[in-house]
C-alpha atoms as a PDB file:
ATOM      1  CA  MET A   1       0.000   0.000   0.000  1.00  0.00           C
ATOM      2  CA  LYS A   2       1.521   3.275  -1.143  1.00  0.00           C
ATOM      3  CA  ALA A   3      -1.180   5.867  -0.545  1.00  0.00           C
ATOM      4  CA  LEU A   4      -4.129   6.584   1.716  1.00  0.00           C
ATOM      5  CA  PHE A   5      -7.157   8.597   0.601  1.00  0.00           C
ATOM      6  CA  PHE A   6      -9.017  10.338   3.437  1.00  0.00           C
ATOM      7  CA  ASP A   7     -12.528  11.707   3.573  1.00  0.00           C
ATOM      8  CA  LEU A   8     -12.842  15.058   5.389  1.00  0.00           C
ATOM      9  CA  ASP A   9     -16.232  15.571   7.084  1.00  0.00           C
ATOM     10  CA  ASP A  10     -16.845  13.307  10.083  1.00  0.00           C
ATOM     11  CA  THR A  11     -13.627  11.446   9.308  1.00  0.00           C
ATOM     12  CA  LEU A  12     -11.003  14.092  10.134  1.00  0.00           C
ATOM     13  CA  LEU A  13     -13.250  17.054  10.946  1.00  0.00           C
ATOM     14  CA  TRP A  14     -16.146  16.494  13.365  1.00  0.00           C
ATOM     15  CA  ASP A  15     -18.725  18.229  11.197  1.00  0.00           C
ATOM     16  CA  LYS A  16     -21.772  16.730  12.936  1.00  0.00           C
ATOM     17  CA  LYS A  17     -20.668  18.293  16.221  1.00  0.00           C
ATOM     18  CA  SER A  18     -20.089  21.653  14.541  1.00  0.00           C
ATOM     19  CA  ILE A  19     -23.620  21.568  13.155  1.00  0.00           C
ATOM     20  CA  LYS A  20     -25.139  20.419  16.457  1.00  0.00           C
ATOM     21  CA  GLU A  21     -23.373  23.070  18.542  1.00  0.00           C
ATOM     22  CA  SER A  22     -24.178  25.806  16.024  1.00  0.00           C
ATOM     23  CA  LEU A  23     -27.843  24.817  15.947  1.00  0.00           C
ATOM     24  CA  ARG A  24     -27.902  24.702  19.736  1.00  0.00           C
ATOM     25  CA  ALA A  25     -26.355  28.169  20.070  1.00  0.00           C
ATOM     26  CA  THR A  26     -28.778  29.669  17.532  1.00  0.00           C
ATOM     27  CA  CYS A  27     -31.829  27.964  19.018  1.00  0.00           C
ATOM     28  CA  LEU A  28     -30.869  29.168  22.504  1.00  0.00           C
ATOM     29  CA  GLU A  29     -30.895  32.718  21.170  1.00  0.00           C
ATOM     30  CA  ALA A  30     -34.313  32.058  19.631  1.00  0.00           C
ATOM     31  CA  GLU A  31     -35.569  30.651  22.939  1.00  0.00           C
ATOM     32  CA  GLU A  32     -34.703  33.908  24.704  1.00  0.00           C
ATOM     33  CA  GLN A  33     -36.838  35.859  22.234  1.00  0.00           C
ATOM     34  CA  THR A  34     -39.727  33.464  21.642  1.00  0.00           C
ATOM     35  CA  GLY A  35     -39.887  31.039  24.561  1.00  0.00           C
ATOM     36  CA  ILE A  36     -39.663  28.066  22.179  1.00  0.00           C
ATOM     37  CA  HIS A  37     -37.553  25.407  23.873  1.00  0.00           C
ATOM     38  CA  HIS A  38     -34.248  25.221  22.043  1.00  0.00           C
ATOM     39  CA  LYS A  39     -34.301  21.428  21.708  1.00  0.00           C
ATOM     40  CA  GLU A  40     -37.770  21.483  20.175  1.00  0.00           C
ATOM     41  CA  LEU A  41     -36.795  24.206  17.724  1.00  0.00           C
ATOM     42  CA  GLU A  42     -33.603  22.373  16.763  1.00  0.00           C
ATOM     43  CA  LYS A  43     -35.623  19.254  15.949  1.00  0.00           C
ATOM     44  CA  THR A  44     -37.986  21.295  13.798  1.00  0.00           C
ATOM     45  CA  VAL A  45     -35.153  23.091  11.985  1.00  0.00           C
ATOM     46  CA  ARG A  46     -33.483  19.797  11.129  1.00  0.00           C
ATOM     47  CA  GLU A  47     -36.739  18.451   9.666  1.00  0.00           C
ATOM     48  CA  GLU A  48     -37.724  21.655   7.904  1.00  0.00           C
ATOM     49  CA  ALA A  49     -34.274  22.254   6.438  1.00  0.00           C
ATOM     50  CA  ALA A  50     -34.113  18.764   4.932  1.00  0.00           C
ATOM     51  CA  SER A  51     -37.620  19.013   3.488  1.00  0.00           C
ATOM     52  CA  LEU A  52     -37.178  22.517   2.097  1.00  0.00           C
ATOM     53  CA  TYR A  53     -33.746  21.738   0.632  1.00  0.00           C
ATOM     54  CA  ALA A  54     -35.266  18.946  -1.440  1.00  0.00           C
ATOM     55  CA  SER A  55     -37.916  21.295  -2.867  1.00  0.00           C
ATOM     56  CA  TYR A  56     -35.501  23.461  -4.871  1.00  0.00           C
ATOM     57  CA  ASP A  57     -34.553  22.585  -8.434  1.00  0.00           C
ATOM     58  CA  THR A  58     -30.904  22.572  -7.331  1.00  0.00           C
ATOM     59  CA  TYR A  59     -31.499  19.416  -5.276  1.00  0.00           C
ATOM     60  CA  GLU A  60     -30.380  16.889  -7.874  1.00  0.00           C
ATOM     61  CA  PHE A  61     -27.195  18.887  -8.403  1.00  0.00           C
ATOM     62  CA  THR A  62     -26.460  18.994  -4.673  1.00  0.00           C
ATOM     63  CA  LYS A  63     -26.986  15.230  -4.437  1.00  0.00           C
ATOM     64  CA  SER A  64     -24.572  14.579  -7.311  1.00  0.00           C
ATOM     65  CA  ILE A  65     -21.887  16.740  -5.698  1.00  0.00           C
ATOM     66  CA  GLY A  66     -22.636  15.665  -2.131  1.00  0.00           C
ATOM     67  CA  ILE A  67     -23.773  18.876  -0.409  1.00  0.00           C
ATOM     68  CA  ASN A  68     -26.136  18.243   2.491  1.00  0.00           C
ATOM     69  CA  PRO A  69     -28.921  20.538   3.804  1.00  0.00           C
ATOM     70  CA  PHE A  70     -26.910  21.659   6.821  1.00  0.00           C
ATOM     71  CA  GLU A  71     -24.017  22.794   4.664  1.00  0.00           C
ATOM     72  CA  GLY A  72     -26.667  24.657   2.711  1.00  0.00           C
ATOM     73  CA  LEU A  73     -27.702  26.413   5.924  1.00  0.00           C
ATOM     74  CA  TRP A  74     -24.388  28.261   6.231  1.00  0.00           C
ATOM     75  CA  GLY A  75     -22.630  28.234   2.861  1.00  0.00           C
ATOM     76  CA  ASP A  76     -22.514  31.097   0.349  1.00  0.00           C
ATOM     77  CA  PHE A  77     -21.741  28.952  -2.716  1.00  0.00           C
ATOM     78  CA  THR A  78     -19.885  31.644  -4.605  1.00  0.00           C
ATOM     79  CA  ASP A  79     -18.273  29.097  -6.939  1.00  0.00           C
ATOM     80  CA  ASP A  80     -18.674  30.202 -10.561  1.00  0.00           C
ATOM     81  CA  ILE A  81     -17.291  27.010 -12.078  1.00  0.00           C
ATOM     82  CA  ASN A  82     -20.612  25.655 -13.316  1.00  0.00           C
ATOM     83  CA  ILE A  83     -24.273  26.576 -13.611  1.00  0.00           C
ATOM     84  CA  GLY A  84     -25.240  24.345 -10.677  1.00  0.00           C
ATOM     85  CA  PHE A  85     -23.292  26.462  -8.206  1.00  0.00           C
ATOM     86  CA  ARG A  86     -24.494  29.696  -9.785  1.00  0.00           C
ATOM     87  CA  LYS A  87     -28.098  28.533  -9.313  1.00  0.00           C
ATOM     88  CA  MET A  88     -27.330  27.548  -5.736  1.00  0.00           C
ATOM     89  CA  ASN A  89     -25.963  30.999  -5.014  1.00  0.00           C
ATOM     90  CA  GLU A  90     -29.199  32.509  -6.336  1.00  0.00           C
ATOM     91  CA  ILE A  91     -31.460  30.515  -3.991  1.00  0.00           C
ATOM     92  CA  ILE A  92     -29.298  29.783  -0.971  1.00  0.00           C
ATOM     93  CA  TYR A  93     -30.173  32.813   1.175  1.00  0.00           C
ATOM     94  CA  ASP A  94     -33.853  32.295   0.453  1.00  0.00           C
ATOM     95  CA  TYR A  95     -33.441  28.690   1.597  1.00  0.00           C
ATOM     96  CA  GLN A  96     -31.580  29.668   4.759  1.00  0.00           C
ATOM     97  CA  GLU A  97     -34.115  32.302   5.792  1.00  0.00           C
ATOM     98  CA  LYS A  98     -37.129  30.119   5.005  1.00  0.00           C
ATOM     99  CA  ALA A  99     -35.704  27.168   6.948  1.00  0.00           C
ATOM    100  CA  TRP A 100     -35.715  29.287  10.096  1.00  0.00           C
ATOM    101  CA  THR A 101     -38.890  31.268   9.376  1.00  0.00           C
ATOM    102  CA  HIS A 102     -40.900  28.126   8.591  1.00  0.00           C
ATOM    103  CA  SER A 103     -39.550  26.433  11.713  1.00  0.00           C
ATOM    104  CA  LEU A 104     -40.643  29.340  13.894  1.00  0.00           C
ATOM    105  CA  SER A 105     -44.053  29.209  12.241  1.00  0.00           C
ATOM    106  CA  LYS A 106     -44.404  25.540  13.157  1.00  0.00           C
ATOM    107  CA  HIS A 107     -44.197  26.689  16.790  1.00  0.00           C
ATOM    108  CA  GLY A 108     -46.745  29.462  16.341  1.00  0.00           C
ATOM    109  CA  VAL A 109     -44.307  32.347  15.835  1.00  0.00           C
ATOM    110  CA  SER A 110     -44.787  34.329  12.613  1.00  0.00           C
ATOM    111  CA  ASP A 111     -41.720  36.560  12.439  1.00  0.00           C
ATOM    112  CA  SER A 112     -39.830  36.788   9.128  1.00  0.00           C
ATOM    113  CA  PRO A 113     -37.273  39.351  10.408  1.00  0.00           C
ATOM    114  CA  LEU A 114     -36.394  37.003  13.284  1.00  0.00           C
ATOM    115  CA  GLY A 115     -36.080  34.104  10.836  1.00  0.00           C
ATOM    116  CA  SER A 116     -33.646  36.171   8.784  1.00  0.00           C
ATOM    117  CA  THR A 117     -31.686  37.088  11.920  1.00  0.00           C
ATOM    118  CA  LEU A 118     -31.474  33.454  13.033  1.00  0.00           C
ATOM    119  CA  ALA A 119     -30.212  32.448   9.578  1.00  0.00           C
ATOM    120  CA  GLU A 120     -27.417  35.000   9.985  1.00  0.00           C
ATOM    121  CA  ARG A 121     -26.679  33.830  13.522  1.00  0.00           C
ATOM    122  CA  PHE A 122     -26.388  30.209  12.421  1.00  0.00           C
ATOM    123  CA  ARG A 123     -23.923  31.203   9.698  1.00  0.00           C
ATOM    124  CA  PHE A 124     -21.962  33.134  12.332  1.00  0.00           C
ATOM    125  CA  HIS A 125     -21.874  30.296  14.864  1.00  0.00           C
ATOM    126  CA  ARG A 126     -20.939  27.623  12.313  1.00  0.00           C
ATOM    127  CA  ARG A 127     -17.938  29.647  11.219  1.00  0.00           C
ATOM    128  CA  LYS A 128     -16.842  30.039  14.841  1.00  0.00           C
ATOM    129  CA  LEU A 129     -17.308  26.401  15.900  1.00  0.00           C
ATOM    130  CA  PRO A 130     -14.991  24.054  14.005  1.00  0.00           C
ATOM    131  CA  PHE A 131     -14.288  20.738  15.733  1.00  0.00           C
ATOM    132  CA  ILE A 132     -11.620  18.188  14.919  1.00  0.00           C
ATOM    133  CA  TYR A 133     -11.208  14.717  16.373  1.00  0.00           C
ATOM    134  CA  ALA A 134      -8.627  14.455  19.153  1.00  0.00           C
ATOM    135  CA  ASP A 135      -6.503  11.901  17.287  1.00  0.00           C
ATOM    136  CA  THR A 136      -6.600  13.474  13.793  1.00  0.00           C
ATOM    137  CA  PHE A 137      -3.248  15.273  13.730  1.00  0.00           C
ATOM    138  CA  GLU A 138      -1.329  12.592  15.601  1.00  0.00           C
ATOM    139  CA  VAL A 139      -2.539   9.832  13.277  1.00  0.00           C
ATOM    140  CA  LEU A 140      -1.924  11.830  10.097  1.00  0.00           C
ATOM    141  CA  ALA A 141       1.616  12.660  11.249  1.00  0.00           C
ATOM    142  CA  GLU A 142       2.330   8.986  11.927  1.00  0.00           C
ATOM    143  CA  LEU A 143       0.848   7.787   8.642  1.00  0.00           C
ATOM    144  CA  LYS A 144       2.627  10.418   6.569  1.00  0.00           C
ATOM    145  CA  GLU A 145       5.939   8.843   7.511  1.00  0.00           C
ATOM    146  CA  ASN A 146       5.093   5.715   5.485  1.00  0.00           C
ATOM    147  CA  TYR A 147       2.326   6.632   3.047  1.00  0.00           C
ATOM    148  CA  ARG A 148       1.404   9.292   0.540  1.00  0.00           C
ATOM    149  CA  LEU A 149      -1.808  11.055   1.595  1.00  0.00           C
ATOM    150  CA  LEU A 150      -4.668  12.519  -0.456  1.00  0.00           C
ATOM    151  CA  LEU A 151      -7.842  14.249   0.761  1.00  0.00           C
ATOM    152  CA  LEU A 152     -11.021  13.387  -1.148  1.00  0.00           C
ATOM    153  CA  THR A 153     -14.104  15.312  -0.054  1.00  0.00           C
ATOM    154  CA  ASN A 154     -17.598  15.878  -1.378  1.00  0.00           C
ATOM    155  CA  GLY A 155     -18.845  19.440  -1.401  1.00  0.00           C
ATOM    156  CA  ALA A 156     -18.532  22.916  -2.866  1.00  0.00           C
ATOM    157  CA  PRO A 157     -14.918  24.072  -3.326  1.00  0.00           C
ATOM    158  CA  SER A 158     -15.578  27.390  -1.571  1.00  0.00           C
ATOM    159  CA  LEU A 159     -17.238  25.785   1.449  1.00  0.00           C
ATOM    160  CA  GLN A 160     -14.705  22.977   1.828  1.00  0.00           C
ATOM    161  CA  GLN A 161     -11.934  25.574   1.570  1.00  0.00           C
ATOM    162  CA  GLU A 162     -13.577  27.528   4.393  1.00  0.00           C
ATOM    163  CA  LYS A 163     -13.464  24.409   6.561  1.00  0.00           C
ATOM    164  CA  LEU A 164      -9.786  23.924   5.751  1.00  0.00           C
ATOM    165  CA  ASN A 165      -9.073  27.588   6.469  1.00  0.00           C
ATOM    166  CA  MET A 166     -10.547  27.063   9.948  1.00  0.00           C
ATOM    167  CA  THR A 167      -8.123  24.174  10.533  1.00  0.00           C
ATOM    168  CA  PRO A 168      -5.089  25.093   8.380  1.00  0.00           C
ATOM    169  CA  GLN A 169      -2.888  22.500  10.089  1.00  0.00           C
ATOM    170  CA  LEU A 170      -4.616  19.815   8.000  1.00  0.00           C
ATOM    171  CA  VAL A 171      -3.555  21.011   4.578  1.00  0.00           C
ATOM    172  CA  PRO A 172       0.210  20.241   4.642  1.00  0.00           C
ATOM    173  CA  PHE A 173      -0.402  16.544   5.268  1.00  0.00           C
ATOM    174  CA  PHE A 174      -1.842  16.002   1.784  1.00  0.00           C
ATOM    175  CA  GLU A 175      -0.241  15.907  -1.653  1.00  0.00           C
ATOM    176  CA  TYR A 176      -3.584  16.636  -3.281  1.00  0.00           C
ATOM    177  CA  ILE A 177      -6.962  17.896  -2.072  1.00  0.00           C
ATOM    178  CA  VAL A 178      -9.760  16.825  -4.404  1.00  0.00           C
ATOM    179  CA  VAL A 179     -13.217  18.402  -3.980  1.00  0.00           C
ATOM    180  CA  SER A 180     -16.166  16.876  -5.808  1.00  0.00           C
ATOM    181  CA  GLY A 181     -17.591  20.257  -6.804  1.00  0.00           C
ATOM    182  CA  ALA A 182     -14.405  21.110  -8.675  1.00  0.00           C
ATOM    183  CA  TYR A 183     -14.240  17.698 -10.324  1.00  0.00           C
ATOM    184  CA  GLY A 184     -17.896  17.680 -11.374  1.00  0.00           C
ATOM    185  CA  ILE A 185     -19.342  14.670  -9.557  1.00  0.00           C
ATOM    186  CA  GLY A 186     -18.989  13.306  -6.048  1.00  0.00           C
ATOM    187  CA  LYS A 187     -18.482  10.039  -4.233  1.00  0.00           C
ATOM    188  CA  PRO A 188     -19.666   7.295  -4.739  1.00  0.00           C
ATOM    189  CA  ALA A 189     -19.040   7.794  -8.479  1.00  0.00           C
ATOM    190  CA  PRO A 190     -16.000   5.607  -9.239  1.00  0.00           C
ATOM    191  CA  SER A 191     -14.624   8.184 -11.662  1.00  0.00           C
ATOM    192  CA  ILE A 192     -13.607  10.598  -8.893  1.00  0.00           C
ATOM    193  CA  PHE A 193     -11.610   7.827  -7.190  1.00  0.00           C
ATOM    194  CA  GLU A 194     -10.015   6.943 -10.529  1.00  0.00           C
ATOM    195  CA  HIS A 195      -9.175  10.639 -10.992  1.00  0.00           C
ATOM    196  CA  CYS A 196      -7.374  10.615  -7.629  1.00  0.00           C
ATOM    197  CA  LEU A 197      -5.448   7.489  -8.580  1.00  0.00           C
ATOM    198  CA  ASP A 198      -4.408   9.163 -11.836  1.00  0.00           C
ATOM    199  CA  LEU A 199      -3.199  12.238  -9.936  1.00  0.00           C
ATOM    200  CA  MET A 200      -1.032  10.026  -7.737  1.00  0.00           C
ATOM    201  CA  GLN A 201      -0.002   7.830 -10.709  1.00  0.00           C
ATOM    202  CA  LEU A 202      -1.140   4.735  -8.828  1.00  0.00           C
ATOM    203  CA  SER A 203      -3.271   1.678  -9.509  1.00  0.00           C
ATOM    204  CA  SER A 204      -6.321   0.750  -7.434  1.00  0.00           C
ATOM    205  CA  ASP A 205      -4.221  -1.869  -5.601  1.00  0.00           C
ATOM    206  CA  ASP A 206      -1.790   0.819  -4.429  1.00  0.00           C
ATOM    207  CA  ALA A 207      -4.229   2.992  -2.488  1.00  0.00           C
ATOM    208  CA  LEU A 208      -6.810   2.616   0.260  1.00  0.00           C
ATOM    209  CA  MET A 209      -9.852   4.789   1.072  1.00  0.00           C
ATOM    210  CA  ILE A 210     -10.625   5.812   4.666  1.00  0.00           C
ATOM    211  CA  GLY A 211     -13.997   7.316   5.547  1.00  0.00           C
ATOM    212  CA  ASP A 212     -17.055   7.276   7.769  1.00  0.00           C
ATOM    213  CA  ASN A 213     -19.782   7.016   5.114  1.00  0.00           C
ATOM    214  CA  LEU A 214     -20.703   3.615   3.733  1.00  0.00           C
ATOM    215  CA  HIS A 215     -22.761   5.106   0.912  1.00  0.00           C
ATOM    216  CA  THR A 216     -20.054   7.431  -0.415  1.00  0.00           C
ATOM    217  CA  ASP A 217     -16.556   6.523   0.802  1.00  0.00           C
ATOM    218  CA  ILE A 218     -16.934   2.751   0.971  1.00  0.00           C
ATOM    219  CA  LEU A 219     -19.350   2.134  -1.897  1.00  0.00           C
ATOM    220  CA  GLY A 220     -17.384   4.411  -4.217  1.00  0.00           C
ATOM    221  CA  SER A 221     -14.000   2.916  -3.413  1.00  0.00           C
ATOM    222  CA  ASN A 222     -15.484  -0.561  -3.870  1.00  0.00           C
ATOM    223  CA  ARG A 223     -16.652   0.449  -7.333  1.00  0.00           C
ATOM    224  CA  ALA A 224     -13.170   1.729  -8.146  1.00  0.00           C
ATOM    225  CA  GLY A 225     -11.607  -1.574  -7.061  1.00  0.00           C
ATOM    226  CA  MET A 226      -9.915  -0.124  -3.970  1.00  0.00           C
ATOM    227  CA  LYS A 227      -9.625  -1.532  -0.478  1.00  0.00           C
ATOM    228  CA  ASN A 228     -11.084   0.612   2.286  1.00  0.00           C
ATOM    229  CA  ILE A 229     -11.428   1.241   6.016  1.00  0.00           C
ATOM    230  CA  TRP A 230     -14.840   2.161   7.396  1.00  0.00           C
ATOM    231  CA  ILE A 231     -14.635   4.409  10.463  1.00  0.00           C
ATOM    232  CA  ASN A 232     -17.686   3.424  12.465  1.00  0.00           C
ATOM    233  CA  ARG A 233     -17.477   5.656  15.531  1.00  0.00           C
ATOM    234  CA  GLU A 234     -21.205   5.426  16.207  1.00  0.00           C
ATOM    235  CA  LYS A 235     -21.256   1.616  16.020  1.00  0.00           C
ATOM    236  CA  LYS A 236     -23.818   1.582  13.238  1.00  0.00           C
ATOM    237  CA  GLU A 237     -25.124  -1.656  11.804  1.00  0.00           C
ATOM    238  CA  PRO A 238     -23.289  -2.637   8.595  1.00  0.00           C
ATOM    239  CA  ASN A 239     -25.169  -2.675   5.300  1.00  0.00           C
ATOM    240  CA  LYS A 240     -25.042  -6.160   3.804  1.00  0.00           C
ATOM    241  CA  ASP A 241     -25.061  -4.625   0.309  1.00  0.00           C
ATOM    242  CA  ILE A 242     -21.968  -2.482   0.952  1.00  0.00           C
ATOM    243  CA  PRO A 243     -19.014  -4.624   2.029  1.00  0.00           C
ATOM    244  CA  PHE A 244     -15.896  -3.031   3.498  1.00  0.00           C
ATOM    245  CA  THR A 245     -12.342  -4.310   3.853  1.00  0.00           C
ATOM    246  CA  TRP A 246     -11.787  -3.297   7.485  1.00  0.00           C
ATOM    247  CA  GLU A 247     -13.747  -1.546  10.222  1.00  0.00           C
ATOM    248  CA  VAL A 248     -12.405   0.652  13.036  1.00  0.00           C
ATOM    249  CA  GLN A 249     -14.011   2.901  15.632  1.00  0.00           C
ATOM    250  CA  SER A 250     -11.319   5.584  15.675  1.00  0.00           C
ATOM    251  CA  LEU A 251      -8.494   6.964  13.573  1.00  0.00           C
ATOM    252  CA  SER A 252      -5.971   5.836  16.171  1.00  0.00           C
ATOM    253  CA  GLU A 253      -6.637   2.203  15.286  1.00  0.00           C
ATOM    254  CA  ILE A 254      -5.519   2.671  11.689  1.00  0.00           C
ATOM    255  CA  PRO A 255      -1.692   2.697  11.964  1.00  0.00           C
ATOM    256  CA  GLY A 256      -1.685  -0.595  13.871  1.00  0.00           C
ATOM    257  CA  LEU A 257      -4.179  -2.140  11.459  1.00  0.00           C
ATOM    258  CA  LEU A 258      -2.068  -1.203   8.444  1.00  0.00           C
END
């Protein structure tokens, strides 16, 4: 094995925690003004955001690139590289404001200005609350001594770059950083894995994919003929239709496994 391909979100960066803490902070502010319990509002926002996100004609594009509703809640999507991102930029602030305004309405509060304010506050909090797993840097430093490293992430180039700017220590570990939005299609399409192999001038037997998502990281690397490691921190049940080569519960298990 010559190279290791790493996913970014919820593999190296703890994106789910960033979203949860940002939602919590915003909903606590809303609770002070409306009396809606922050946990109840957070539940509603999660449901409303997912439902509303799927109603825009940009939805199929976001699925192909791998941009989830909660990234949509704080991103600007200023990428001009294709029409999909330009359309996203046109609707994204409408989506963000409506997600909060509709959620307030579900709790009997009709207040569009407050919905707009909460959308801004969520964007603010998410940019101030990056989280990274405790073992990320230590494991990457150890692995870099023996393997070439590449970062393969789904998402919009501008948004993924923002995440990397928040944690700039990550960038030097990787020879290449490949973002699905710049390539044109996301994981699990095998072509993006093959593109990464071509960049590294390697065959599928020479590289291994490491990620937390069975449906993108593991399924896609399977399709490209690569071995993989599924990081299953939450002890989820495996999917019998998506086999994996190895399973770990933390990054720190990987050097010993290899």
